C-alpha atoms as a PDB file:
ATOM      1  CA  MET A   1      11.282 -16.183  22.426  1.00  0.00           C
ATOM      2  CA  PHE A   2       7.820 -14.903  21.731  1.00  0.00           C
ATOM      3  CA  ASP A   3       7.531 -12.750  18.730  1.00  0.00           C
ATOM      4  CA  SER A   4       4.707 -10.204  19.170  1.00  0.00           C
ATOM      5  CA  ARG A   5       4.922  -8.700  15.650  1.00  0.00           C
ATOM      6  CA  PRO A   6       1.634  -9.173  13.791  1.00  0.00           C
ATOM      7  CA  ILE A   7       1.644 -10.939  10.393  1.00  0.00           C
ATOM      8  CA  ILE A   8       0.549  -8.413   7.810  1.00  0.00           C
ATOM      9  CA  GLY A   9      -0.462  -9.906   4.423  1.00  0.00           C
ATOM     10  CA  ILE A  10       0.437  -7.768   1.469  1.00  0.00           C
ATOM     11  CA  THR A  11      -1.301  -8.546  -1.778  1.00  0.00           C
ATOM     12  CA  MET A  12       0.833  -8.051  -4.897  1.00  0.00           C
ATOM     13  CA  GLY A  13      -1.942  -6.237  -6.781  1.00  0.00           C
ATOM     14  CA  ASP A  14      -1.955  -6.122 -10.609  1.00  0.00           C
ATOM     15  CA  PRO A  15       0.984  -8.233 -11.752  1.00  0.00           C
ATOM     16  CA  VAL A  16       1.719  -5.835 -14.562  1.00  0.00           C
ATOM     17  CA  GLY A  17       1.363  -2.654 -12.563  1.00  0.00           C
ATOM     18  CA  ILE A  18       3.817  -1.083 -10.034  1.00  0.00           C
ATOM     19  CA  GLY A  19       2.628  -3.287  -7.110  1.00  0.00           C
ATOM     20  CA  PRO A  20       5.450  -5.855  -7.402  1.00  0.00           C
ATOM     21  CA  GLU A  21       8.022  -3.120  -7.544  1.00  0.00           C
ATOM     22  CA  ILE A  22       6.795  -1.039  -4.579  1.00  0.00           C
ATOM     23  CA  ILE A  23       6.875  -4.163  -2.515  1.00  0.00           C
ATOM     24  CA  PHE A  24      10.573  -4.514  -2.983  1.00  0.00           C
ATOM     25  CA  LEU A  25      11.073  -0.835  -2.505  1.00  0.00           C
ATOM     26  CA  ALA A  26       8.909  -0.824   0.712  1.00  0.00           C
ATOM     27  CA  LEU A  27      10.431  -3.932   2.182  1.00  0.00           C
ATOM     28  CA  GLY A  28      13.932  -2.574   1.665  1.00  0.00           C
ATOM     29  CA  ASN A  29      13.050  -0.436   4.740  1.00  0.00           C
ATOM     30  CA  PRO A  30      14.237  -2.349   7.910  1.00  0.00           C
ATOM     31  CA  GLY A  31      11.718  -0.393  10.008  1.00  0.00           C
ATOM     32  CA  ILE A  32       8.928  -2.448   8.469  1.00  0.00           C
ATOM     33  CA  TYR A  33      10.356  -5.628   9.973  1.00  0.00           C
ATOM     34  CA  GLU A  34      10.660  -4.021  13.420  1.00  0.00           C
ATOM     35  CA  VAL A  35       6.859  -3.638  13.687  1.00  0.00           C
ATOM     36  CA  CYS A  36       5.484  -6.559  11.711  1.00  0.00           C
ATOM     37  CA  LYS A  37       5.898  -9.707   9.775  1.00  0.00           C
ATOM     38  CA  PRO A  38       5.220  -8.862   6.236  1.00  0.00           C
ATOM     39  CA  LEU A  39       3.881 -11.781   4.023  1.00  0.00           C
ATOM     40  CA  VAL A  40       3.529 -11.100   0.300  1.00  0.00           C
ATOM     41  CA  LEU A  41       0.671 -12.916  -1.462  1.00  0.00           C
ATOM     42  CA  GLY A  42       1.543 -13.023  -5.196  1.00  0.00           C
ATOM     43  CA  ASP A  43       3.608 -14.660  -7.899  1.00  0.00           C
ATOM     44  CA  LEU A  44       7.202 -15.684  -7.476  1.00  0.00           C
ATOM     45  CA  ARG A  45       8.211 -15.220 -11.032  1.00  0.00           C
ATOM     46  CA  ILE A  46       6.703 -11.810 -11.363  1.00  0.00           C
ATOM     47  CA  LEU A  47       8.362 -10.786  -8.137  1.00  0.00           C
ATOM     48  CA  ASN A  48      11.734 -12.024  -9.450  1.00  0.00           C
ATOM     49  CA  ALA A  49      11.200  -9.661 -12.455  1.00  0.00           C
ATOM     50  CA  ALA A  50      10.361  -6.787 -10.202  1.00  0.00           C
ATOM     51  CA  LYS A  51      13.478  -7.539  -8.103  1.00  0.00           C
ATOM     52  CA  LYS A  52      15.592  -7.061 -11.166  1.00  0.00           C
ATOM     53  CA  CYS A  53      13.999  -3.814 -12.337  1.00  0.00           C
ATOM     54  CA  THR A  54      14.299  -2.298  -8.860  1.00  0.00           C
ATOM     55  CA  GLN A  55      17.895  -3.625  -8.474  1.00  0.00           C
ATOM     56  CA  SER A  56      16.983  -4.973  -5.105  1.00  0.00           C
ATOM     57  CA  ASN A  57      19.332  -7.068  -2.964  1.00  0.00           C
ATOM     58  CA  LEU A  58      16.465  -8.762  -1.050  1.00  0.00           C
ATOM     59  CA  ASN A  59      16.107 -12.487  -1.288  1.00  0.00           C
ATOM     60  CA  ILE A  60      12.761 -14.113  -2.215  1.00  0.00           C
ATOM     61  CA  GLU A  61      11.716 -17.037   0.035  1.00  0.00           C
ATOM     62  CA  SER A  62       8.668 -19.154  -0.835  1.00  0.00           C
ATOM     63  CA  VAL A  63       6.541 -20.206   2.076  1.00  0.00           C
ATOM     64  CA  LYS A  64       3.642 -22.608   2.281  1.00  0.00           C
ATOM     65  CA  ASP A  65       1.558 -20.776   4.868  1.00  0.00           C
ATOM     66  CA  PRO A  66       1.734 -17.687   7.098  1.00  0.00           C
ATOM     67  CA  ASP A  67       3.224 -19.495  10.019  1.00  0.00           C
ATOM     68  CA  SER A  68       6.271 -20.782   8.019  1.00  0.00           C
ATOM     69  CA  GLY A  69       7.847 -17.431   7.150  1.00  0.00           C
ATOM     70  CA  THR A  70      11.096 -16.241   8.685  1.00  0.00           C
ATOM     71  CA  TYR A  71      10.121 -12.566   8.546  1.00  0.00           C
ATOM     72  CA  ARG A  72      13.676 -11.224   8.712  1.00  0.00           C
ATOM     73  CA  PHE A  73      14.950  -8.147   7.002  1.00  0.00           C
ATOM     74  CA  GLY A  74      16.768  -9.036   3.813  1.00  0.00           C
ATOM     75  CA  SER A  75      14.269 -11.799   2.800  1.00  0.00           C
ATOM     76  CA  VAL A  76      10.789 -11.373   1.340  1.00  0.00           C
ATOM     77  CA  ASP A  77       8.472 -14.126   2.406  1.00  0.00           C
ATOM     78  CA  VAL A  78       6.048 -15.035  -0.423  1.00  0.00           C
ATOM     79  CA  LEU A  79       2.916 -17.195  -0.517  1.00  0.00           C
ATOM     80  CA  ASN A  80       2.963 -18.105  -4.272  1.00  0.00           C
ATOM     81  CA  LEU A  81      -0.576 -18.025  -5.594  1.00  0.00           C
ATOM     82  CA  SER A  82      -0.210 -17.995  -9.369  1.00  0.00           C
ATOM     83  CA  GLU A  83       2.108 -19.110 -12.085  1.00  0.00           C
ATOM     84  CA  ILE A  84       2.377 -16.207 -14.551  1.00  0.00           C
ATOM     85  CA  ASP A  85       5.056 -16.463 -17.265  1.00  0.00           C
ATOM     86  CA  PRO A  86       6.972 -13.076 -17.315  1.00  0.00           C
ATOM     87  CA  ASP A  87       7.963 -13.831 -20.954  1.00  0.00           C
ATOM     88  CA  LYS A  88       4.330 -13.967 -21.938  1.00  0.00           C
ATOM     89  CA  THR A  89       3.337 -10.806 -20.191  1.00  0.00           C
ATOM     90  CA  SER A  90       4.555  -7.254 -20.321  1.00  0.00           C
ATOM     91  CA  TRP A  91       4.477  -4.396 -17.873  1.00  0.00           C
ATOM     92  CA  GLY A  92       1.478  -2.158 -18.290  1.00  0.00           C
ATOM     93  CA  ASN A  93      -0.532  -4.708 -20.362  1.00  0.00           C
ATOM     94  CA  PRO A  94      -3.246  -6.503 -18.339  1.00  0.00           C
ATOM     95  CA  SER A  95      -4.756  -9.808 -19.471  1.00  0.00           C
ATOM     96  CA  VAL A  96      -7.444 -12.358 -18.398  1.00  0.00           C
ATOM     97  CA  GLN A  97      -4.640 -14.241 -16.570  1.00  0.00           C
ATOM     98  CA  THR A  98      -3.208 -11.269 -14.686  1.00  0.00           C
ATOM     99  CA  GLY A  99      -6.687 -10.046 -13.820  1.00  0.00           C
ATOM    100  CA  ARG A 100      -7.726 -13.356 -12.399  1.00  0.00           C
ATOM    101  CA  ALA A 101      -4.464 -13.550 -10.392  1.00  0.00           C
ATOM    102  CA  MET A 102      -4.730 -10.301  -8.750  1.00  0.00           C
ATOM    103  CA  ILE A 103      -8.391 -11.119  -7.665  1.00  0.00           C
ATOM    104  CA  HIS A 104      -7.098 -14.380  -6.215  1.00  0.00           C
ATOM    105  CA  TYR A 105      -4.455 -12.685  -4.095  1.00  0.00           C
ATOM    106  CA  ILE A 106      -7.180 -10.528  -2.557  1.00  0.00           C
ATOM    107  CA  GLU A 107      -9.595 -13.347  -1.911  1.00  0.00           C
ATOM    108  CA  VAL A 108      -6.927 -15.493  -0.177  1.00  0.00           C
ATOM    109  CA  ALA A 109      -5.767 -12.588   1.951  1.00  0.00           C
ATOM    110  CA  ALA A 110      -9.261 -11.784   2.967  1.00  0.00           C
ATOM    111  CA  ASP A 111      -9.969 -15.428   3.906  1.00  0.00           C
ATOM    112  CA  LEU A 112      -6.719 -15.596   5.943  1.00  0.00           C
ATOM    113  CA  ALA A 113      -7.646 -12.343   7.749  1.00  0.00           C
ATOM    114  CA  VAL A 114     -11.141 -13.684   8.517  1.00  0.00           C
ATOM    115  CA  GLN A 115      -9.593 -16.912   9.889  1.00  0.00           C
ATOM    116  CA  LYS A 116      -7.168 -14.715  11.875  1.00  0.00           C
ATOM    117  CA  ARG A 117      -4.102 -16.392  10.296  1.00  0.00           C
ATOM    118  CA  ILE A 118      -2.943 -12.893   9.423  1.00  0.00           C
ATOM    119  CA  ALA A 119      -3.649  -9.827  11.591  1.00  0.00           C
ATOM    120  CA  ALA A 120      -4.451  -7.502   8.623  1.00  0.00           C
ATOM    121  CA  MET A 121      -4.185  -7.234   4.911  1.00  0.00           C
ATOM    122  CA  VAL A 122      -2.528  -4.487   2.892  1.00  0.00           C
ATOM    123  CA  THR A 123      -3.251  -4.207  -0.796  1.00  0.00           C
ATOM    124  CA  CYS A 124      -1.145  -3.020  -3.668  1.00  0.00           C
ATOM    125  CA  PRO A 125      -3.032  -1.315  -6.605  1.00  0.00           C
ATOM    126  CA  ILE A 126      -5.347  -3.104  -8.941  1.00  0.00           C
ATOM    127  CA  ASN A 127      -6.921  -2.067 -12.202  1.00  0.00           C
ATOM    128  CA  LYS A 128     -10.622  -2.034 -12.929  1.00  0.00           C
ATOM    129  CA  THR A 129     -10.121  -2.795 -16.568  1.00  0.00           C
ATOM    130  CA  ALA A 130      -8.184  -5.862 -15.572  1.00  0.00           C
ATOM    131  CA  MET A 131     -11.047  -6.871 -13.225  1.00  0.00           C
ATOM    132  CA  GLN A 132     -13.482  -6.656 -16.140  1.00  0.00           C
ATOM    133  CA  LEU A 133     -11.157  -8.732 -18.271  1.00  0.00           C
ATOM    134  CA  ALA A 134     -11.240 -11.407 -15.564  1.00  0.00           C
ATOM    135  CA  GLY A 135     -15.060 -11.394 -15.579  1.00  0.00           C
ATOM    136  CA  ALA A 136     -15.339  -9.846 -12.123  1.00  0.00           C
ATOM    137  CA  PRO A 137     -18.458  -7.741 -11.390  1.00  0.00           C
ATOM    138  CA  TYR A 138     -16.610  -5.313  -9.015  1.00  0.00           C
ATOM    139  CA  ASN A 139     -15.593  -1.720  -9.305  1.00  0.00           C
ATOM    140  CA  GLY A 140     -12.597  -2.247  -7.021  1.00  0.00           C
ATOM    141  CA  HIS A 141     -11.264  -3.694  -3.809  1.00  0.00           C
ATOM    142  CA  THR A 142     -14.023  -2.293  -1.607  1.00  0.00           C
ATOM    143  CA  GLU A 143     -16.945  -4.159  -3.211  1.00  0.00           C
ATOM    144  CA  LEU A 144     -14.950  -7.332  -3.632  1.00  0.00           C
ATOM    145  CA  LEU A 145     -13.904  -7.305  -0.014  1.00  0.00           C
ATOM    146  CA  ALA A 146     -17.399  -6.501   1.233  1.00  0.00           C
ATOM    147  CA  GLU A 147     -18.790  -9.539  -0.629  1.00  0.00           C
ATOM    148  CA  ARG A 148     -16.062 -11.833   0.487  1.00  0.00           C
ATOM    149  CA  THR A 149     -16.343 -10.917   4.114  1.00  0.00           C
ATOM    150  CA  LYS A 150     -20.226 -10.841   3.899  1.00  0.00           C
ATOM    151  CA  SER A 151     -20.269  -7.173   5.032  1.00  0.00           C
ATOM    152  CA  GLU A 152     -23.265  -4.922   4.279  1.00  0.00           C
ATOM    153  CA  ASP A 153     -22.253  -1.876   6.330  1.00  0.00           C
ATOM    154  CA  TYR A 154     -18.899  -0.553   4.830  1.00  0.00           C
ATOM    155  CA  ALA A 155     -17.302   2.553   3.398  1.00  0.00           C
ATOM    156  CA  MET A 156     -14.155   3.869   1.887  1.00  0.00           C
ATOM    157  CA  MET A 157     -11.865   6.052   4.024  1.00  0.00           C
ATOM    158  CA  PHE A 158      -8.591   7.821   3.094  1.00  0.00           C
ATOM    159  CA  ALA A 159      -6.165   8.741   5.954  1.00  0.00           C
ATOM    160  CA  GLY A 160      -3.003  10.705   6.303  1.00  0.00           C
ATOM    161  CA  ASP A 161      -1.310  12.574   9.073  1.00  0.00           C
ATOM    162  CA  ARG A 162      -2.946  15.885   8.195  1.00  0.00           C
ATOM    163  CA  LEU A 163      -6.344  14.916   6.738  1.00  0.00           C
ATOM    164  CA  ARG A 164      -8.856  11.996   6.913  1.00  0.00           C
ATOM    165  CA  VAL A 165     -11.763  11.646   4.547  1.00  0.00           C
ATOM    166  CA  VAL A 166     -14.687   9.153   4.303  1.00  0.00           C
ATOM    167  CA  LEU A 167     -16.915   8.950   1.219  1.00  0.00           C
ATOM    168  CA  ALA A 168     -20.632   8.718   1.343  1.00  0.00           C
ATOM    169  CA  THR A 169     -20.723   7.600  -2.305  1.00  0.00           C
ATOM    170  CA  ILE A 170     -17.813   5.949  -4.121  1.00  0.00           C
ATOM    171  CA  HIS A 171     -17.486   5.156  -7.776  1.00  0.00           C
ATOM    172  CA  VAL A 172     -20.685   6.516  -9.313  1.00  0.00           C
ATOM    173  CA  PRO A 173     -21.347   9.119 -11.997  1.00  0.00           C
ATOM    174  CA  LEU A 174     -21.557  12.577 -10.580  1.00  0.00           C
ATOM    175  CA  ARG A 175     -25.080  13.010 -11.996  1.00  0.00           C
ATOM    176  CA  ASP A 176     -26.198  10.036  -9.888  1.00  0.00           C
ATOM    177  CA  VAL A 177     -24.954  11.225  -6.515  1.00  0.00           C
ATOM    178  CA  PRO A 178     -28.030  13.333  -5.404  1.00  0.00           C
ATOM    179  CA  SER A 179     -30.377  10.367  -6.038  1.00  0.00           C
ATOM    180  CA  ILE A 180     -28.227   7.925  -4.127  1.00  0.00           C
ATOM    181  CA  LEU A 181     -27.839  10.120  -1.090  1.00  0.00           C
ATOM    182  CA  SER A 182     -30.378   9.681   1.698  1.00  0.00           C
ATOM    183  CA  LYS A 183     -30.730  10.533   5.426  1.00  0.00           C
ATOM    184  CA  ARG A 184     -30.300   6.870   6.280  1.00  0.00           C
ATOM    185  CA  LYS A 185     -27.213   6.447   4.205  1.00  0.00           C
ATOM    186  CA  ILE A 186     -25.442   9.560   5.533  1.00  0.00           C
ATOM    187  CA  LEU A 187     -26.454   8.675   9.146  1.00  0.00           C
ATOM    188  CA  ARG A 188     -25.029   5.163   8.565  1.00  0.00           C
ATOM    189  CA  ILE A 189     -21.703   6.632   7.353  1.00  0.00           C
ATOM    190  CA  ILE A 190     -21.399   9.090  10.219  1.00  0.00           C
ATOM    191  CA  LYS A 191     -22.049   6.332  12.800  1.00  0.00           C
ATOM    192  CA  LEU A 192     -19.590   3.905  11.074  1.00  0.00           C
ATOM    193  CA  THR A 193     -16.937   6.668  10.904  1.00  0.00           C
ATOM    194  CA  TRP A 194     -17.370   7.416  14.569  1.00  0.00           C
ATOM    195  CA  GLN A 195     -17.008   3.817  15.568  1.00  0.00           C
ATOM    196  CA  THR A 196     -13.947   3.238  13.329  1.00  0.00           C
ATOM    197  CA  LEU A 197     -12.021   6.306  14.706  1.00  0.00           C
ATOM    198  CA  GLN A 198     -12.675   5.058  18.229  1.00  0.00           C
ATOM    199  CA  GLU A 199     -11.824   1.427  17.604  1.00  0.00           C
ATOM    200  CA  ARG A 200      -9.175   1.538  14.924  1.00  0.00           C
ATOM    201  CA  PHE A 201      -7.529   4.992  15.462  1.00  0.00           C
ATOM    202  CA  GLY A 202      -7.730   5.329  19.171  1.00  0.00           C
ATOM    203  CA  ILE A 203      -9.695   8.589  19.121  1.00  0.00           C
ATOM    204  CA  LYS A 204     -12.083   8.466  22.080  1.00  0.00           C
ATOM    205  CA  THR A 205     -14.267  11.402  21.129  1.00  0.00           C
ATOM    206  CA  PRO A 206     -13.910  11.951  17.306  1.00  0.00           C
ATOM    207  CA  ARG A 207     -14.826  15.327  15.746  1.00  0.00           C
ATOM    208  CA  ILE A 208     -16.684  14.788  12.566  1.00  0.00           C
ATOM    209  CA  ALA A 209     -17.473  17.378   9.917  1.00  0.00           C
ATOM    210  CA  VAL A 210     -19.996  16.668   7.079  1.00  0.00           C
ATOM    211  CA  ALA A 211     -19.573  18.439   3.712  1.00  0.00           C
ATOM    212  CA  GLY A 212     -22.499  19.797   1.827  1.00  0.00           C
ATOM    213  CA  LEU A 213     -23.283  18.639  -1.548  1.00  0.00           C
ATOM    214  CA  ASN A 214     -23.891  21.868  -3.390  1.00  0.00           C
ATOM    215  CA  PRO A 215     -21.872  25.165  -3.544  1.00  0.00           C
ATOM    216  CA  HIS A 216     -22.075  27.105  -0.248  1.00  0.00           C
ATOM    217  CA  ALA A 217     -23.845  23.991   1.296  1.00  0.00           C
ATOM    218  CA  GLY A 218     -26.990  24.991  -0.658  1.00  0.00           C
ATOM    219  CA  GLU A 219     -27.077  28.614   0.559  1.00  0.00           C
ATOM    220  CA  GLY A 220     -30.372  28.030   2.329  1.00  0.00           C
ATOM    221  CA  GLY A 221     -31.877  26.262  -0.664  1.00  0.00           C
ATOM    222  CA  MET A 222     -30.819  28.682  -3.356  1.00  0.00           C
ATOM    223  CA  PHE A 223     -28.347  26.200  -4.893  1.00  0.00           C
ATOM    224  CA  GLY A 224     -30.043  22.923  -3.950  1.00  0.00           C
ATOM    225  CA  ASN A 225     -32.184  21.307  -1.283  1.00  0.00           C
ATOM    226  CA  GLU A 226     -30.147  18.217  -0.437  1.00  0.00           C
ATOM    227  CA  GLU A 227     -28.563  19.925   2.579  1.00  0.00           C
ATOM    228  CA  LYS A 228     -31.905  20.935   4.065  1.00  0.00           C
ATOM    229  CA  ASN A 229     -33.819  17.708   3.252  1.00  0.00           C
ATOM    230  CA  ILE A 230     -31.191  14.961   3.621  1.00  0.00           C
ATOM    231  CA  ILE A 231     -27.795  15.967   5.118  1.00  0.00           C
ATOM    232  CA  ALA A 232     -28.914  18.292   7.932  1.00  0.00           C
ATOM    233  CA  PRO A 233     -31.452  15.829   9.315  1.00  0.00           C
ATOM    234  CA  ALA A 234     -28.867  13.018   9.347  1.00  0.00           C
ATOM    235  CA  VAL A 235     -26.365  15.204  11.118  1.00  0.00           C
ATOM    236  CA  ALA A 236     -29.044  16.211  13.687  1.00  0.00           C
ATOM    237  CA  GLN A 237     -30.037  12.663  14.434  1.00  0.00           C
ATOM    238  CA  ALA A 238     -26.360  11.634  14.840  1.00  0.00           C
ATOM    239  CA  ARG A 239     -25.919  14.550  17.334  1.00  0.00           C
ATOM    240  CA  ASN A 240     -29.014  13.297  19.232  1.00  0.00           C
ATOM    241  CA  GLU A 241     -27.326   9.923  19.488  1.00  0.00           C
ATOM    242  CA  GLY A 242     -24.207  11.488  21.206  1.00  0.00           C
ATOM    243  CA  ILE A 243     -21.937  11.807  18.199  1.00  0.00           C
ATOM    244  CA  ASP A 244     -19.744  14.956  17.915  1.00  0.00           C
ATOM    245  CA  VAL A 245     -20.694  15.988  14.373  1.00  0.00           C
ATOM    246  CA  ILE A 246     -21.249  19.206  12.584  1.00  0.00           C
ATOM    247  CA  GLY A 247     -22.640  20.072   9.120  1.00  0.00           C
ATOM    248  CA  PRO A 248     -23.446  20.319   6.333  1.00  0.00           C
ATOM    249  CA  LEU A 249     -20.567  22.805   5.837  1.00  0.00           C
ATOM    250  CA  PRO A 250     -19.357  24.399   2.603  1.00  0.00           C
ATOM    251  CA  SER A 251     -16.618  22.161   1.307  1.00  0.00           C
ATOM    252  CA  ASP A 252     -14.505  25.075  -0.020  1.00  0.00           C
ATOM    253  CA  ALA A 253     -13.729  26.200   3.456  1.00  0.00           C
ATOM    254  CA  LEU A 254     -14.276  22.887   5.390  1.00  0.00           C
ATOM    255  CA  PHE A 255     -11.101  21.096   4.169  1.00  0.00           C
ATOM    256  CA  TYR A 256      -8.941  24.047   5.190  1.00  0.00           C
ATOM    257  CA  HIS A 257     -10.142  23.874   8.715  1.00  0.00           C
ATOM    258  CA  ALA A 258      -9.855  20.045   8.721  1.00  0.00           C
ATOM    259  CA  VAL A 259      -6.212  20.285   7.720  1.00  0.00           C
ATOM    260  CA  LYS A 260      -5.677  22.819  10.467  1.00  0.00           C
ATOM    261  CA  GLY A 261      -6.855  20.284  13.018  1.00  0.00           C
ATOM    262  CA  ARG A 262     -10.393  21.502  13.811  1.00  0.00           C
ATOM    263  CA  TYR A 263     -11.904  18.132  12.806  1.00  0.00           C
ATOM    264  CA  ASP A 264     -10.682  14.483  12.973  1.00  0.00           C
ATOM    265  CA  ILE A 265     -12.359  13.565   9.633  1.00  0.00           C
ATOM    266  CA  VAL A 266     -14.525  14.956   6.901  1.00  0.00           C
ATOM    267  CA  VAL A 267     -17.536  13.072   5.513  1.00  0.00           C
ATOM    268  CA  SER A 268     -17.578  13.837   1.771  1.00  0.00           C
ATOM    269  CA  MET A 269     -20.630  13.403  -0.394  1.00  0.00           C
ATOM    270  CA  TYR A 270     -18.892  12.172  -3.486  1.00  0.00           C
ATOM    271  CA  HIS A 271     -15.507  10.802  -4.671  1.00  0.00           C
ATOM    272  CA  ASP A 272     -13.756  13.872  -6.019  1.00  0.00           C
ATOM    273  CA  GLN A 273     -15.059  16.187  -3.404  1.00  0.00           C
ATOM    274  CA  GLY A 274     -12.980  14.307  -0.785  1.00  0.00           C
ATOM    275  CA  LEU A 275     -10.151  12.993  -2.876  1.00  0.00           C
ATOM    276  CA  ILE A 276      -9.037  16.114  -4.576  1.00  0.00           C
ATOM    277  CA  PRO A 277      -7.985  17.903  -1.366  1.00  0.00           C
ATOM    278  CA  PHE A 278      -6.739  14.666   0.185  1.00  0.00           C
ATOM    279  CA  LYS A 279      -4.407  13.734  -2.699  1.00  0.00           C
ATOM    280  CA  LEU A 280      -3.276  17.304  -2.969  1.00  0.00           C
ATOM    281  CA  ILE A 281      -1.795  16.835   0.508  1.00  0.00           C
ATOM    282  CA  HIS A 282      -1.166  13.134   0.714  1.00  0.00           C
ATOM    283  CA  PHE A 283      -0.385  12.056  -2.866  1.00  0.00           C
ATOM    284  CA  ASN A 284       2.743  10.066  -1.878  1.00  0.00           C
ATOM    285  CA  ASN A 285       1.790   8.875   1.599  1.00  0.00           C
ATOM    286  CA  GLY A 286      -2.085   8.562   1.766  1.00  0.00           C
ATOM    287  CA  VAL A 287      -3.664   5.358   2.817  1.00  0.00           C
ATOM    288  CA  ASN A 288      -7.007   3.867   1.566  1.00  0.00           C
ATOM    289  CA  ILE A 289      -8.955   1.939   4.196  1.00  0.00           C
ATOM    290  CA  THR A 290     -12.115  -0.117   3.948  1.00  0.00           C
ATOM    291  CA  ILE A 291     -14.123   0.502   7.118  1.00  0.00           C
ATOM    292  CA  GLY A 292     -16.925  -1.618   8.407  1.00  0.00           C
ATOM    293  CA  LEU A 293     -15.243  -4.963   7.603  1.00  0.00           C
ATOM    294  CA  PRO A 294     -14.689  -7.672  10.224  1.00  0.00           C
ATOM    295  CA  ILE A 295     -11.020  -7.569   9.166  1.00  0.00           C
ATOM    296  CA  ILE A 296      -8.343  -4.763   8.924  1.00  0.00           C
ATOM    297  CA  ARG A 297      -7.681  -3.747   5.451  1.00  0.00           C
ATOM    298  CA  THR A 298      -5.452  -0.797   4.360  1.00  0.00           C
ATOM    299  CA  SER A 299      -4.157   0.022   0.889  1.00  0.00           C
ATOM    300  CA  VAL A 300      -2.121   2.381  -1.195  1.00  0.00           C
ATOM    301  CA  ASP A 301      -4.187   5.335  -2.376  1.00  0.00           C
ATOM    302  CA  HIS A 302      -2.865   5.257  -5.985  1.00  0.00           C
ATOM    303  CA  GLY A 303      -3.327   3.220  -9.079  1.00  0.00           C
ATOM    304  CA  THR A 304      -1.318   0.697 -11.083  1.00  0.00           C
ATOM    305  CA  ALA A 305       0.746   3.397 -12.942  1.00  0.00           C
ATOM    306  CA  TYR A 306       1.050   1.345 -16.047  1.00  0.00           C
ATOM    307  CA  ASP A 307       3.087   4.089 -17.691  1.00  0.00           C
ATOM    308  CA  ILE A 308       5.988   3.622 -15.272  1.00  0.00           C
ATOM    309  CA  ALA A 309       5.477  -0.107 -14.440  1.00  0.00           C
ATOM    310  CA  GLY A 310       8.792  -2.011 -14.907  1.00  0.00           C
ATOM    311  CA  THR A 311      11.002   1.064 -14.688  1.00  0.00           C
ATOM    312  CA  GLY A 312      11.752   0.680 -10.901  1.00  0.00           C
ATOM    313  CA  ILE A 313      11.073   4.307 -10.181  1.00  0.00           C
ATOM    314  CA  ALA A 314       7.687   4.028  -8.477  1.00  0.00           C
ATOM    315  CA  ASP A 315       7.364   5.715  -5.052  1.00  0.00           C
ATOM    316  CA  PRO A 316       6.727   3.195  -2.224  1.00  0.00           C
ATOM    317  CA  GLY A 317       5.613   5.904   0.274  1.00  0.00           C
ATOM    318  CA  SER A 318       1.900   5.058   0.225  1.00  0.00           C
ATOM    319  CA  LEU A 319       2.566   1.291   0.607  1.00  0.00           C
ATOM    320  CA  ILE A 320       4.984   1.988   3.662  1.00  0.00           C
ATOM    321  CA  ALA A 321       2.254   4.199   5.115  1.00  0.00           C
ATOM    322  CA  ALA A 322      -0.443   1.548   4.566  1.00  0.00           C
ATOM    323  CA  ILE A 323       1.641  -1.128   6.291  1.00  0.00           C
ATOM    324  CA  ASN A 324       2.387   1.087   9.354  1.00  0.00           C
ATOM    325  CA  LEU A 325      -1.250   2.163   9.656  1.00  0.00           C
ATOM    326  CA  ALA A 326      -2.353  -1.562   9.509  1.00  0.00           C
ATOM    327  CA  VAL A 327       0.029  -2.384  12.347  1.00  0.00           C
ATOM    328  CA  GLN A 328      -1.354   0.591  14.334  1.00  0.00           C
ATOM    329  CA  GLN A 329      -4.877  -0.475  13.683  1.00  0.00           C
ATOM    330  CA  VAL A 330      -4.166  -3.987  14.850  1.00  0.00           C
ATOM    331  CA  ALA A 331      -2.859  -2.572  18.166  1.00  0.00           C
ATOM    332  CA  TYR A 332      -5.768  -0.244  18.686  1.00  0.00           C
ATOM    333  CA  ALA A 333      -8.337  -2.966  17.757  1.00  0.00           C
ATOM    334  CA  SER A 334      -6.661  -5.407  20.173  1.00  0.00           C
ATOM    335  CA  GLU A 335      -6.915  -2.816  22.960  1.00  0.00           C
ATOM    336  CA  THR A 336     -10.649  -2.283  22.432  1.00  0.00           C
ATOM    337  CA  GLY A 337     -11.265  -5.977  22.119  1.00  0.00           C
ATOM    338  CA  ARG A 338     -12.956  -5.609  18.676  1.00  0.00           C
ATOM    339  CA  HIS A 339     -10.385  -7.556  16.814  1.00  0.00           C
ATOM    340  CA  THR A 340      -7.994 -10.374  18.002  1.00  0.00           C
ATOM    341  CA  PRO A 341      -5.113 -10.831  15.464  1.00  0.00           C
END
């Protein structure tokens, strides 16, 4: 019998963070297996250690490739990509070996997605310090995936059932944000957001709101000129191109109206402007998405939580939401013909 469930690759993330644990906690939900075939890319021995600390009854099955998994509830299909000795590592303490391993999981998953051997990839949390230990020149998943997939036009989006946010700038010092912003950059983000909401979220005519950079969106130049000189011209050009977008709007009121349903998404000028309201609402079930890639990638929107790693008490809500959203995006992308899983 033909099985239409898409294969979703789940990277284990940092081996000494909570990634291995939330995988077992999430895959203990039979609903996941009803909508997809979850394939874990990680380390068998670390996963066995995580199984013990979560007191999971799930079996671990080693597979040689995505097509050889059974994908039945009760068994966790694992593509073993590293050989980390749990006795020589400890929860919450990254090393060169664990850093290299977590990068390898991501690279393999990205390659499998590009090759269409998996329909999408879902990533568990990684740690930037561990990336630096491994000698990687990236600030996180986003930059690594963009390079691996040869993508130049990409952005970071966060999605929940009440609020969606996309960031015009990502991990940069706040003092550098004004110099990084440009009309071209903001226009590119608006257009990329519009396209993503249509193709990956099934929203035919997205309503986009753009936040101002300064208090009160600059108050006519009293508190800054970025709105008048950069943001407003980008919004105007996007509107001339047929995009339903408004802004720049004062962010202190904007997010209230977005949560109430007036807008489908908010374009934020900097990291904390968008993520403080988002995580206030979606701390346990928010999803991080890299848009603009030729593959579908969703992720948890939290970190490695070294302080509770190995205790078995981590919340798998964000991972469950990320898996479900990846499945939905595969379906929408297939309908629009932009992605063939």
